[in-house]
Each structure stands twice: as structure tokens, then as C-alpha cells.
All heavy atoms as atom14 arrays in JSON, in Angstrom:
{
  "sequence": "VFDVASQLKDNQKVTKENTKVLLREAARKVIPNEAYKKKKLGFPVPLR",
  "atom14_mask": [
    [1, 1, 1, 1, 1, 1, 1, 0, 0, 0, 0, 0, 0, 0],
    [1, 1, 1, 1, 1, 1, 1, 1, 1, 1, 1, 0, 0, 0],
    [1, 1, 1, 1, 1, 1, 1, 1, 0, 0, 0, 0, 0, 0],
    [1, 1, 1, 1, 1, 1, 1, 0, 0, 0, 0, 0, 0, 0],
    [1, 1, 1, 1, 1, 0, 0, 0, 0, 0, 0, 0, 0, 0],
    [1, 1, 1, 1, 1, 1, 0, 0, 0, 0, 0, 0, 0, 0],
    [1, 1, 1, 1, 1, 1, 1, 1, 1, 0, 0, 0, 0, 0],
    [1, 1, 1, 1, 1, 1, 1, 1, 0, 0, 0, 0, 0, 0],
    [1, 1, 1, 1, 1, 1, 1, 1, 1, 0, 0, 0, 0, 0],
    [1, 1, 1, 1, 1, 1, 1, 1, 0, 0, 0, 0, 0, 0],
    [1, 1, 1, 1, 1, 1, 1, 1, 0, 0, 0, 0, 0, 0],
    [1, 1, 1, 1, 1, 1, 1, 1, 1, 0, 0, 0, 0, 0],
    [1, 1, 1, 1, 1, 1, 1, 1, 1, 0, 0, 0, 0, 0],
    [1, 1, 1, 1, 1, 1, 1, 0, 0, 0, 0, 0, 0, 0],
    [1, 1, 1, 1, 1, 1, 1, 0, 0, 0, 0, 0, 0, 0],
    [1, 1, 1, 1, 1, 1, 1, 1, 1, 0, 0, 0, 0, 0],
    [1, 1, 1, 1, 1, 1, 1, 1, 1, 0, 0, 0, 0, 0],
    [1, 1, 1, 1, 1, 1, 1, 1, 0, 0, 0, 0, 0, 0],
    [1, 1, 1, 1, 1, 1, 1, 0, 0, 0, 0, 0, 0, 0],
    [1, 1, 1, 1, 1, 1, 1, 1, 1, 0, 0, 0, 0, 0],
    [1, 1, 1, 1, 1, 1, 1, 0, 0, 0, 0, 0, 0, 0],
    [1, 1, 1, 1, 1, 1, 1, 1, 0, 0, 0, 0, 0, 0],
    [1, 1, 1, 1, 1, 1, 1, 1, 0, 0, 0, 0, 0, 0],
    [1, 1, 1, 1, 1, 1, 1, 1, 1, 1, 1, 0, 0, 0],
    [1, 1, 1, 1, 1, 1, 1, 1, 1, 0, 0, 0, 0, 0],
    [1, 1, 1, 1, 1, 0, 0, 0, 0, 0, 0, 0, 0, 0],
    [1, 1, 1, 1, 1, 0, 0, 0, 0, 0, 0, 0, 0, 0],
    [1, 1, 1, 1, 1, 1, 1, 1, 1, 1, 1, 0, 0, 0],
    [1, 1, 1, 1, 1, 1, 1, 1, 1, 0, 0, 0, 0, 0],
    [1, 1, 1, 1, 1, 1, 1, 0, 0, 0, 0, 0, 0, 0],
    [1, 1, 1, 1, 1, 1, 1, 1, 0, 0, 0, 0, 0, 0],
    [1, 1, 1, 1, 1, 1, 1, 0, 0, 0, 0, 0, 0, 0],
    [1, 1, 1, 1, 1, 1, 1, 1, 0, 0, 0, 0, 0, 0],
    [1, 1, 1, 1, 1, 1, 1, 1, 1, 0, 0, 0, 0, 0],
    [1, 1, 1, 1, 1, 0, 0, 0, 0, 0, 0, 0, 0, 0],
    [1, 1, 1, 1, 1, 1, 1, 1, 1, 1, 1, 1, 0, 0],
    [1, 1, 1, 1, 1, 1, 1, 1, 1, 0, 0, 0, 0, 0],
    [1, 1, 1, 1, 1, 1, 1, 1, 1, 0, 0, 0, 0, 0],
    [1, 1, 1, 1, 1, 1, 1, 1, 1, 0, 0, 0, 0, 0],
    [1, 1, 1, 1, 1, 1, 1, 1, 1, 0, 0, 0, 0, 0],
    [1, 1, 1, 1, 1, 1, 1, 1, 0, 0, 0, 0, 0, 0],
    [1, 1, 1, 1, 0, 0, 0, 0, 0, 0, 0, 0, 0, 0],
    [1, 1, 1, 1, 1, 1, 1, 1, 1, 1, 1, 0, 0, 0],
    [1, 1, 1, 1, 1, 1, 1, 0, 0, 0, 0, 0, 0, 0],
    [1, 1, 1, 1, 1, 1, 1, 0, 0, 0, 0, 0, 0, 0],
    [1, 1, 1, 1, 1, 1, 1, 0, 0, 0, 0, 0, 0, 0],
    [1, 1, 1, 1, 1, 1, 1, 1, 0, 0, 0, 0, 0, 0],
    [1, 1, 1, 1, 1, 1, 1, 1, 1, 1, 1, 0, 0, 0]
  ],
  "atom14_positions": [
    [[-10.85, 10.78, 4.58], [-10.01, 9.79, 3.87], [-10.76, 8.47, 3.82], [-10.78, 7.79, 2.77], [-8.65, 9.6, 4.56], [-7.85, 8.45, 3.95], [-7.85, 10.91, 4.48], [0.0, 0.0, 0.0], [0.0, 0.0, 0.0], [0.0, 0.0, 0.0], [0.0, 0.0, 0.0], [0.0, 0.0, 0.0], [0.0, 0.0, 0.0], [0.0, 0.0, 0.0]],
    [[-11.4, 8.08, 4.93], [-12.14, 6.81, 4.93], [-13.3, 6.87, 3.97], [-13.66, 5.85, 3.36], [-12.63, 6.47, 6.34], [-13.34, 5.12, 6.38], [-12.61, 3.94, 6.31], [-14.73, 5.06, 6.45], [-13.27, 2.73, 6.31], [-15.38, 3.83, 6.45], [-14.64, 2.65, 6.38], [0.0, 0.0, 0.0], [0.0, 0.0, 0.0], [0.0, 0.0, 0.0]],
    [[-13.92, 8.04, 3.82], [-15.03, 8.16, 2.87], [-14.57, 7.78, 1.47], [-15.35, 7.19, 0.7], [-15.57, 9.59, 2.91], [-16.84, 9.74, 2.06], [-17.85, 9.07, 2.41], [-16.81, 10.48, 1.09], [0.0, 0.0, 0.0], [0.0, 0.0, 0.0], [0.0, 0.0, 0.0], [0.0, 0.0, 0.0], [0.0, 0.0, 0.0], [0.0, 0.0, 0.0]],
    [[-13.34, 8.13, 1.13], [-12.8, 7.72, -0.19], [-12.43, 6.24, -0.17], [-12.78, 5.5, -1.09], [-11.59, 8.61, -0.54], [-10.87, 8.06, -1.77], [-12.03, 10.03, -0.79], [0.0, 0.0, 0.0], [0.0, 0.0, 0.0], [0.0, 0.0, 0.0], [0.0, 0.0, 0.0], [0.0, 0.0, 0.0], [0.0, 0.0, 0.0], [0.0, 0.0, 0.0]],
    [[-11.68, 5.83, 0.84], [-11.22, 4.43, 0.91], [-12.37, 3.44, 0.93], [-12.22, 2.34, 0.41], [-10.33, 4.24, 2.15], [0.0, 0.0, 0.0], [0.0, 0.0, 0.0], [0.0, 0.0, 0.0], [0.0, 0.0, 0.0], [0.0, 0.0, 0.0], [0.0, 0.0, 0.0], [0.0, 0.0, 0.0], [0.0, 0.0, 0.0], [0.0, 0.0, 0.0]],
    [[-13.49, 3.85, 1.49], [-14.63, 2.93, 1.62], [-15.28, 2.66, 0.26], [-16.14, 1.76, 0.15], [-15.69, 3.52, 2.55], [-16.27, 4.7, 2.01], [0.0, 0.0, 0.0], [0.0, 0.0, 0.0], [0.0, 0.0, 0.0], [0.0, 0.0, 0.0], [0.0, 0.0, 0.0], [0.0, 0.0, 0.0], [0.0, 0.0, 0.0], [0.0, 0.0, 0.0]],
    [[-14.88, 3.4, -0.76], [-15.44, 3.19, -2.09], [-14.6, 2.23, -2.96], [-14.96, 1.91, -4.06], [-15.54, 4.54, -2.83], [-16.44, 5.52, -2.11], [-16.49, 6.89, -2.81], [-16.62, 6.96, -4.03], [-16.37, 7.96, -2.03], [0.0, 0.0, 0.0], [0.0, 0.0, 0.0], [0.0, 0.0, 0.0], [0.0, 0.0, 0.0], [0.0, 0.0, 0.0]],
    [[-13.46, 1.81, -2.43], [-12.57, 0.93, -3.22], [-13.14, -0.47, -3.39], [-13.69, -1.05, -2.45], [-11.2, 0.82, -2.53], [-10.33, 2.08, -2.55], [-9.21, 1.94, -1.53], [-9.78, 2.31, -3.96], [0.0, 0.0, 0.0], [0.0, 0.0, 0.0], [0.0, 0.0, 0.0], [0.0, 0.0, 0.0], [0.0, 0.0, 0.0], [0.0, 0.0, 0.0]],
    [[-12.98, -1.01, -4.58], [-13.32, -2.4, -4.79], [-12.2, -3.27, -4.19], [-11.08, -2.8, -3.98], [-13.41, -2.7, -6.3], [-14.61, -2.07, -6.98], [-14.69, -2.45, -8.44], [-13.63, -1.73, -9.29], [-13.83, -1.97, -10.72], [0.0, 0.0, 0.0], [0.0, 0.0, 0.0], [0.0, 0.0, 0.0], [0.0, 0.0, 0.0], [0.0, 0.0, 0.0]],
    [[-12.5, -4.53, -3.95], [-11.53, -5.42, -3.36], [-10.22, -5.48, -4.15], [-9.12, -5.41, -3.59], [-12.06, -6.83, -3.19], [-13.08, -6.94, -2.06], [-13.23, -5.94, -1.33], [-13.67, -8.02, -1.88], [0.0, 0.0, 0.0], [0.0, 0.0, 0.0], [0.0, 0.0, 0.0], [0.0, 0.0, 0.0], [0.0, 0.0, 0.0], [0.0, 0.0, 0.0]],
    [[-10.32, -5.57, -5.46], [-9.09, -5.68, -6.26], [-8.39, -4.35, -6.47], [-7.33, -4.31, -7.09], [-9.38, -6.35, -7.64], [-10.29, -5.51, -8.51], [-10.65, -4.4, -8.2], [-10.71, -6.09, -9.63], [0.0, 0.0, 0.0], [0.0, 0.0, 0.0], [0.0, 0.0, 0.0], [0.0, 0.0, 0.0], [0.0, 0.0, 0.0], [0.0, 0.0, 0.0]],
    [[-8.96, -3.29, -5.92], [-8.28, -2.01, -5.86], [-7.51, -1.84, -4.55], [-6.79, -0.9, -4.35], [-9.28, -0.87, -6.05], [-9.88, -0.81, -7.43], [-10.99, 0.24, -7.56], [-11.68, 0.54, -6.58], [-11.17, 0.77, -8.76], [0.0, 0.0, 0.0], [0.0, 0.0, 0.0], [0.0, 0.0, 0.0], [0.0, 0.0, 0.0], [0.0, 0.0, 0.0]],
    [[-7.75, -2.83, -3.67], [-7.03, -2.88, -2.39], [-5.95, -3.94, -2.38], [-4.8, -3.7, -2.08], [-8.02, -3.11, -1.22], [-8.89, -1.88, -0.94], [-9.88, -2.14, 0.2], [-11.18, -2.68, -0.31], [-12.27, -2.58, 0.72], [0.0, 0.0, 0.0], [0.0, 0.0, 0.0], [0.0, 0.0, 0.0], [0.0, 0.0, 0.0], [0.0, 0.0, 0.0]],
    [[-6.37, -5.18, -2.72], [-5.42, -6.29, -2.71], [-5.56, -7.14, -3.97], [-6.65, -7.29, -4.51], [-5.56, -7.18, -1.47], [-5.32, -6.42, -0.2], [-6.94, -7.84, -1.44], [0.0, 0.0, 0.0], [0.0, 0.0, 0.0], [0.0, 0.0, 0.0], [0.0, 0.0, 0.0], [0.0, 0.0, 0.0], [0.0, 0.0, 0.0], [0.0, 0.0, 0.0]],
    [[-4.42, -7.66, -4.41], [-4.37, -8.65, -5.5], [-3.5, -9.78, -5.04], [-2.93, -9.74, -3.95], [-3.8, -8.04, -6.78], [-2.46, -7.63, -6.53], [-4.62, -6.83, -7.25], [0.0, 0.0, 0.0], [0.0, 0.0, 0.0], [0.0, 0.0, 0.0], [0.0, 0.0, 0.0], [0.0, 0.0, 0.0], [0.0, 0.0, 0.0], [0.0, 0.0, 0.0]],
    [[-3.36, -10.79, -5.85], [-2.49, -11.91, -5.51], [-1.04, -11.45, -5.35], [-0.29, -12.03, -4.58], [-2.59, -13.0, -6.6], [-2.04, -14.34, -6.15], [-2.48, -15.43, -7.09], [-2.05, -16.81, -6.51], [-2.54, -17.9, -7.37], [0.0, 0.0, 0.0], [0.0, 0.0, 0.0], [0.0, 0.0, 0.0], [0.0, 0.0, 0.0], [0.0, 0.0, 0.0]],
    [[-0.68, -10.4, -6.06], [0.72, -9.93, -6.02], [0.98, -8.85, -4.99], [2.11, -8.71, -4.54], [1.1, -9.35, -7.41], [1.12, -10.34, -8.57], [-0.27, -10.72, -9.05], [-1.18, -9.86, -8.93], [-0.44, -11.86, -9.5], [0.0, 0.0, 0.0], [0.0, 0.0, 0.0], [0.0, 0.0, 0.0], [0.0, 0.0, 0.0], [0.0, 0.0, 0.0]],
    [[-0.04, -8.11, -4.57], [0.26, -6.92, -3.75], [-0.9, -6.52, -2.85], [-2.01, -7.01, -2.98], [0.62, -5.75, -4.64], [1.73, -4.88, -4.06], [1.95, -4.92, -2.89], [2.38, -4.1, -4.9], [0.0, 0.0, 0.0], [0.0, 0.0, 0.0], [0.0, 0.0, 0.0], [0.0, 0.0, 0.0], [0.0, 0.0, 0.0], [0.0, 0.0, 0.0]],
    [[-0.6, -5.59, -1.93], [-1.58, -5.01, -1.03], [-1.6, -3.51, -1.28], [-0.73, -2.96, -1.92], [-1.22, -5.25, 0.44], [0.08, -4.71, 0.7], [-1.19, -6.76, 0.76], [0.0, 0.0, 0.0], [0.0, 0.0, 0.0], [0.0, 0.0, 0.0], [0.0, 0.0, 0.0], [0.0, 0.0, 0.0], [0.0, 0.0, 0.0], [0.0, 0.0, 0.0]],
    [[-2.65, -2.82, -0.77], [-2.78, -1.36, -0.91], [-2.52, -0.94, -2.36], [-1.76, 0.02, -2.61], [-1.82, -0.63, 0.05], [-2.21, -0.76, 1.51], [-1.31, 0.04, 2.42], [0.02, -0.6, 2.63], [0.74, -0.11, 3.82], [0.0, 0.0, 0.0], [0.0, 0.0, 0.0], [0.0, 0.0, 0.0], [0.0, 0.0, 0.0], [0.0, 0.0, 0.0]],
    [[-3.15, -1.62, -3.28], [-2.82, -1.48, -4.69], [-2.94, -0.04, -5.19], [-1.97, 0.52, -5.74], [-3.74, -2.41, -5.55], [-3.48, -2.23, -7.02], [-3.49, -3.88, -5.14], [0.0, 0.0, 0.0], [0.0, 0.0, 0.0], [0.0, 0.0, 0.0], [0.0, 0.0, 0.0], [0.0, 0.0, 0.0], [0.0, 0.0, 0.0], [0.0, 0.0, 0.0]],
    [[-4.11, 0.58, -5.05], [-4.3, 1.92, -5.6], [-3.66, 2.99, -4.73], [-3.26, 4.05, -5.22], [-5.79, 2.24, -5.82], [-6.47, 1.41, -6.9], [-7.78, 2.04, -7.3], [-5.59, 1.23, -8.13], [0.0, 0.0, 0.0], [0.0, 0.0, 0.0], [0.0, 0.0, 0.0], [0.0, 0.0, 0.0], [0.0, 0.0, 0.0], [0.0, 0.0, 0.0]],
    [[-3.53, 2.74, -3.43], [-2.81, 3.7, -2.59], [-1.38, 3.81, -3.07], [-0.79, 4.9, -3.12], [-2.84, 3.24, -1.13], [-2.09, 4.18, -0.15], [-2.8, 5.53, -0.03], [-1.95, 3.55, 1.22], [0.0, 0.0, 0.0], [0.0, 0.0, 0.0], [0.0, 0.0, 0.0], [0.0, 0.0, 0.0], [0.0, 0.0, 0.0], [0.0, 0.0, 0.0]],
    [[-0.78, 2.67, -3.43], [0.61, 2.72, -3.94], [0.69, 3.51, -5.24], [1.66, 4.26, -5.44], [1.1, 1.28, -4.2], [1.23, 0.45, -2.94], [1.75, -0.94, -3.26], [1.65, -1.83, -2.07], [2.59, -1.86, -1.12], [3.67, -1.11, -1.22], [2.45, -2.69, -0.09], [0.0, 0.0, 0.0], [0.0, 0.0, 0.0], [0.0, 0.0, 0.0]],
    [[-0.33, 3.38, -6.08], [-0.29, 4.16, -7.34], [-0.43, 5.66, -7.09], [0.21, 6.46, -7.76], [-1.44, 3.68, -8.26], [-1.21, 2.26, -8.79], [0.11, 2.15, -9.56], [0.38, 3.03, -10.44], [0.87, 1.21, -9.28], [0.0, 0.0, 0.0], [0.0, 0.0, 0.0], [0.0, 0.0, 0.0], [0.0, 0.0, 0.0], [0.0, 0.0, 0.0]],
    [[-1.23, 6.03, -6.11], [-1.35, 7.45, -5.76], [-0.04, 7.97, -5.16], [0.41, 9.06, -5.47], [-2.51, 7.67, -4.78], [0.0, 0.0, 0.0], [0.0, 0.0, 0.0], [0.0, 0.0, 0.0], [0.0, 0.0, 0.0], [0.0, 0.0, 0.0], [0.0, 0.0, 0.0], [0.0, 0.0, 0.0], [0.0, 0.0, 0.0], [0.0, 0.0, 0.0]],
    [[0.53, 7.14, -4.27], [1.79, 7.53, -3.62], [2.93, 7.66, -4.63], [3.85, 8.46, -4.46], [2.14, 6.51, -2.54], [0.0, 0.0, 0.0], [0.0, 0.0, 0.0], [0.0, 0.0, 0.0], [0.0, 0.0, 0.0], [0.0, 0.0, 0.0], [0.0, 0.0, 0.0], [0.0, 0.0, 0.0], [0.0, 0.0, 0.0], [0.0, 0.0, 0.0]],
    [[2.86, 6.84, -5.66], [3.91, 6.84, -6.69], [4.11, 8.23, -7.33], [5.18, 8.57, -7.81], [3.55, 5.82, -7.76], [4.56, 5.57, -8.82], [4.08, 4.49, -9.76], [5.09, 4.1, -10.73], [4.93, 3.14, -11.62], [3.79, 2.42, -11.63], [5.87, 2.86, -12.48], [0.0, 0.0, 0.0], [0.0, 0.0, 0.0], [0.0, 0.0, 0.0]],
    [[3.05, 9.01, -7.3], [3.1, 10.34, -7.93], [4.05, 11.29, -7.17], [4.56, 12.22, -7.77], [1.71, 10.98, -7.94], [0.7, 10.28, -8.83], [-0.61, 11.06, -8.82], [-1.64, 10.49, -9.77], [-2.89, 11.3, -9.85], [0.0, 0.0, 0.0], [0.0, 0.0, 0.0], [0.0, 0.0, 0.0], [0.0, 0.0, 0.0], [0.0, 0.0, 0.0]],
    [[4.21, 11.06, -5.86], [4.97, 12.03, -5.07], [6.21, 11.45, -4.39], [7.12, 12.21, -4.02], [4.08, 12.67, -3.99], [2.97, 13.52, -4.66], [3.51, 11.65, -3.06], [0.0, 0.0, 0.0], [0.0, 0.0, 0.0], [0.0, 0.0, 0.0], [0.0, 0.0, 0.0], [0.0, 0.0, 0.0], [0.0, 0.0, 0.0], [0.0, 0.0, 0.0]],
    [[6.29, 10.14, -4.21], [7.47, 9.54, -3.55], [8.61, 9.47, -4.59], [8.45, 8.8, -5.61], [7.16, 8.15, -2.97], [6.05, 8.23, -1.92], [8.42, 7.52, -2.38], [5.65, 6.89, -1.32], [0.0, 0.0, 0.0], [0.0, 0.0, 0.0], [0.0, 0.0, 0.0], [0.0, 0.0, 0.0], [0.0, 0.0, 0.0], [0.0, 0.0, 0.0]],
    [[9.76, 10.05, -4.31], [10.82, 10.11, -5.3], [11.64, 8.82, -5.44], [12.44, 8.69, -6.36], [11.71, 11.27, -4.81], [11.51, 11.27, -3.32], [10.09, 10.89, -3.14], [0.0, 0.0, 0.0], [0.0, 0.0, 0.0], [0.0, 0.0, 0.0], [0.0, 0.0, 0.0], [0.0, 0.0, 0.0], [0.0, 0.0, 0.0], [0.0, 0.0, 0.0]],
    [[11.5, 7.87, -4.51], [12.21, 6.6, -4.67], [11.19, 5.45, -4.82], [10.01, 5.73, -5.14], [13.19, 6.35, -3.51], [12.48, 6.2, -2.16], [11.25, 6.11, -2.1], [13.25, 6.16, -1.11], [0.0, 0.0, 0.0], [0.0, 0.0, 0.0], [0.0, 0.0, 0.0], [0.0, 0.0, 0.0], [0.0, 0.0, 0.0], [0.0, 0.0, 0.0]],
    [[11.6, 4.23, -4.57], [10.7, 3.11, -4.82], [10.03, 2.6, -3.53], [9.55, 1.43, -3.5], [11.48, 1.97, -5.49], [11.95, 2.37, -6.9], [12.49, 1.17, -7.68], [12.77, 0.13, -7.07], [12.58, 1.31, -8.91], [0.0, 0.0, 0.0], [0.0, 0.0, 0.0], [0.0, 0.0, 0.0], [0.0, 0.0, 0.0], [0.0, 0.0, 0.0]],
    [[9.93, 3.44, -2.51], [9.25, 3.03, -1.26], [7.77, 2.73, -1.52], [7.17, 1.96, -0.75], [9.37, 4.15, -0.24], [0.0, 0.0, 0.0], [0.0, 0.0, 0.0], [0.0, 0.0, 0.0], [0.0, 0.0, 0.0], [0.0, 0.0, 0.0], [0.0, 0.0, 0.0], [0.0, 0.0, 0.0], [0.0, 0.0, 0.0], [0.0, 0.0, 0.0]],
    [[7.21, 3.27, -2.58], [5.78, 3.04, -2.85], [5.47, 1.59, -3.14], [4.32, 1.16, -3.02], [5.31, 3.93, -4.01], [5.85, 3.51, -5.38], [5.19, 2.59, -6.16], [7.02, 4.06, -5.85], [5.71, 2.19, -7.4], [7.55, 3.67, -7.08], [6.87, 2.74, -7.84], [7.38, 2.36, -9.06], [0.0, 0.0, 0.0], [0.0, 0.0, 0.0]],
    [[6.48, 0.81, -3.51], [6.19, -0.58, -3.82], [6.84, -1.57, -2.84], [6.78, -2.78, -3.05], [6.59, -0.94, -5.24], [8.1, -0.77, -5.55], [8.32, -1.11, -7.04], [9.81, -1.03, -7.39], [10.02, -1.32, -8.83], [0.0, 0.0, 0.0], [0.0, 0.0, 0.0], [0.0, 0.0, 0.0], [0.0, 0.0, 0.0], [0.0, 0.0, 0.0]],
    [[7.43, -1.01, -1.76], [8.1, -1.87, -0.8], [7.11, -2.58, 0.09], [6.11, -2.01, 0.5], [9.06, -1.04, 0.08], [10.0, -1.87, 0.9], [11.03, -0.96, 1.59], [11.99, -1.81, 2.42], [11.32, -2.54, 3.49], [0.0, 0.0, 0.0], [0.0, 0.0, 0.0], [0.0, 0.0, 0.0], [0.0, 0.0, 0.0], [0.0, 0.0, 0.0]],
    [[7.38, -3.84, 0.39], [6.49, -4.64, 1.24], [6.54, -4.13, 2.67], [7.57, -3.62, 3.14], [6.84, -6.11, 1.2], [6.5, -6.77, -0.12], [6.73, -8.28, -0.07], [6.27, -8.93, -1.34], [6.48, -10.41, -1.34], [0.0, 0.0, 0.0], [0.0, 0.0, 0.0], [0.0, 0.0, 0.0], [0.0, 0.0, 0.0], [0.0, 0.0, 0.0]],
    [[5.45, -4.34, 3.39], [5.32, -3.87, 4.77], [6.25, -4.61, 5.72], [6.34, -5.82, 5.69], [3.86, -4.02, 5.24], [3.61, -3.58, 6.66], [2.16, -3.78, 7.0], [1.87, -3.37, 8.42], [2.13, -1.95, 8.64], [0.0, 0.0, 0.0], [0.0, 0.0, 0.0], [0.0, 0.0, 0.0], [0.0, 0.0, 0.0], [0.0, 0.0, 0.0]],
    [[6.95, -3.83, 6.6], [7.74, -4.41, 7.68], [7.07, -4.13, 9.03], [6.93, -4.98, 9.87], [9.17, -3.87, 7.67], [10.12, -4.42, 6.6], [11.46, -3.75, 6.69], [10.26, -5.93, 6.76], [0.0, 0.0, 0.0], [0.0, 0.0, 0.0], [0.0, 0.0, 0.0], [0.0, 0.0, 0.0], [0.0, 0.0, 0.0], [0.0, 0.0, 0.0]],
    [[6.68, -2.87, 9.21], [5.92, -2.51, 10.45], [6.72, -2.6, 11.73], [6.41, -3.4, 12.59], [0.0, 0.0, 0.0], [0.0, 0.0, 0.0], [0.0, 0.0, 0.0], [0.0, 0.0, 0.0], [0.0, 0.0, 0.0], [0.0, 0.0, 0.0], [0.0, 0.0, 0.0], [0.0, 0.0, 0.0], [0.0, 0.0, 0.0], [0.0, 0.0, 0.0]],
    [[7.75, -1.76, 11.88], [8.57, -1.73, 13.1], [9.04, -3.15, 13.48], [8.75, -3.64, 14.59], [7.82, -1.11, 14.27], [7.77, 0.41, 14.19], [6.59, 1.08, 14.34], [8.94, 1.12, 14.04], [6.54, 2.47, 14.29], [8.9, 2.5, 13.99], [7.73, 3.21, 14.13], [0.0, 0.0, 0.0], [0.0, 0.0, 0.0], [0.0, 0.0, 0.0]],
    [[9.72, -3.84, 12.6], [10.16, -5.18, 12.91], [11.16, -5.26, 14.04], [11.98, -4.35, 14.22], [10.79, -5.68, 11.59], [11.27, -4.4, 10.96], [10.27, -3.34, 11.33], [0.0, 0.0, 0.0], [0.0, 0.0, 0.0], [0.0, 0.0, 0.0], [0.0, 0.0, 0.0], [0.0, 0.0, 0.0], [0.0, 0.0, 0.0], [0.0, 0.0, 0.0]],
    [[11.12, -6.35, 14.8], [11.97, -6.53, 16.0], [12.5, -7.96, 16.01], [11.75, -8.89, 15.78], [11.15, -6.26, 17.3], [12.04, -6.42, 18.53], [10.51, -4.89, 17.27], [0.0, 0.0, 0.0], [0.0, 0.0, 0.0], [0.0, 0.0, 0.0], [0.0, 0.0, 0.0], [0.0, 0.0, 0.0], [0.0, 0.0, 0.0], [0.0, 0.0, 0.0]],
    [[13.81, -8.13, 16.32], [14.39, -9.48, 16.31], [14.11, -10.27, 17.61], [14.99, -10.96, 18.15], [15.87, -9.21, 16.16], [16.09, -7.86, 16.72], [14.83, -7.07, 16.46], [0.0, 0.0, 0.0], [0.0, 0.0, 0.0], [0.0, 0.0, 0.0], [0.0, 0.0, 0.0], [0.0, 0.0, 0.0], [0.0, 0.0, 0.0], [0.0, 0.0, 0.0]],
    [[12.87, -10.24, 18.08], [12.54, -10.91, 19.33], [12.66, -12.41, 19.25], [13.07, -13.1, 20.2], [11.12, -10.57, 19.77], [10.92, -9.45, 20.78], [9.45, -9.19, 21.01], [11.62, -9.78, 22.08], [0.0, 0.0, 0.0], [0.0, 0.0, 0.0], [0.0, 0.0, 0.0], [0.0, 0.0, 0.0], [0.0, 0.0, 0.0], [0.0, 0.0, 0.0]],
    [[12.31, -12.97, 18.11], [12.34, -14.43, 17.93], [13.79, -14.93, 18.22], [13.95, -15.9, 18.92], [11.95, -14.79, 16.51], [12.01, -16.28, 16.22], [11.66, -16.58, 14.76], [10.21, -16.46, 14.51], [9.63, -15.46, 13.86], [10.37, -14.45, 13.41], [8.33, -15.46, 13.68], [0.0, 0.0, 0.0], [0.0, 0.0, 0.0], [0.0, 0.0, 0.0]]
  ]
}
């Protein structure tokens, strides 16, 4: 997987509007809802 990911150009990874740009497009093919474009939360916790 890294061998493929290591070939990505910067703007195929991040843009001003989004992250994981082309991964989201690949995921869009199989994810049946709109999770492919949801922003990252990463196990959020209300510690603050």
C-alpha cells in the first residue's frame, strides 16, 4: 500500500479544502454513504 501511496503528488494528498484527496475518491467507489468526505475526528474525547 505504501508503495502506491509514495507515488502521490502533494495535491493528490492535500488541498486547501481537504485531506486524503485521492484516497477519498477511491473510497467513494465502495462506501455507500457520505463517510468518504467526512472530516477526521480520531476517537475524540471531551477531556477539555
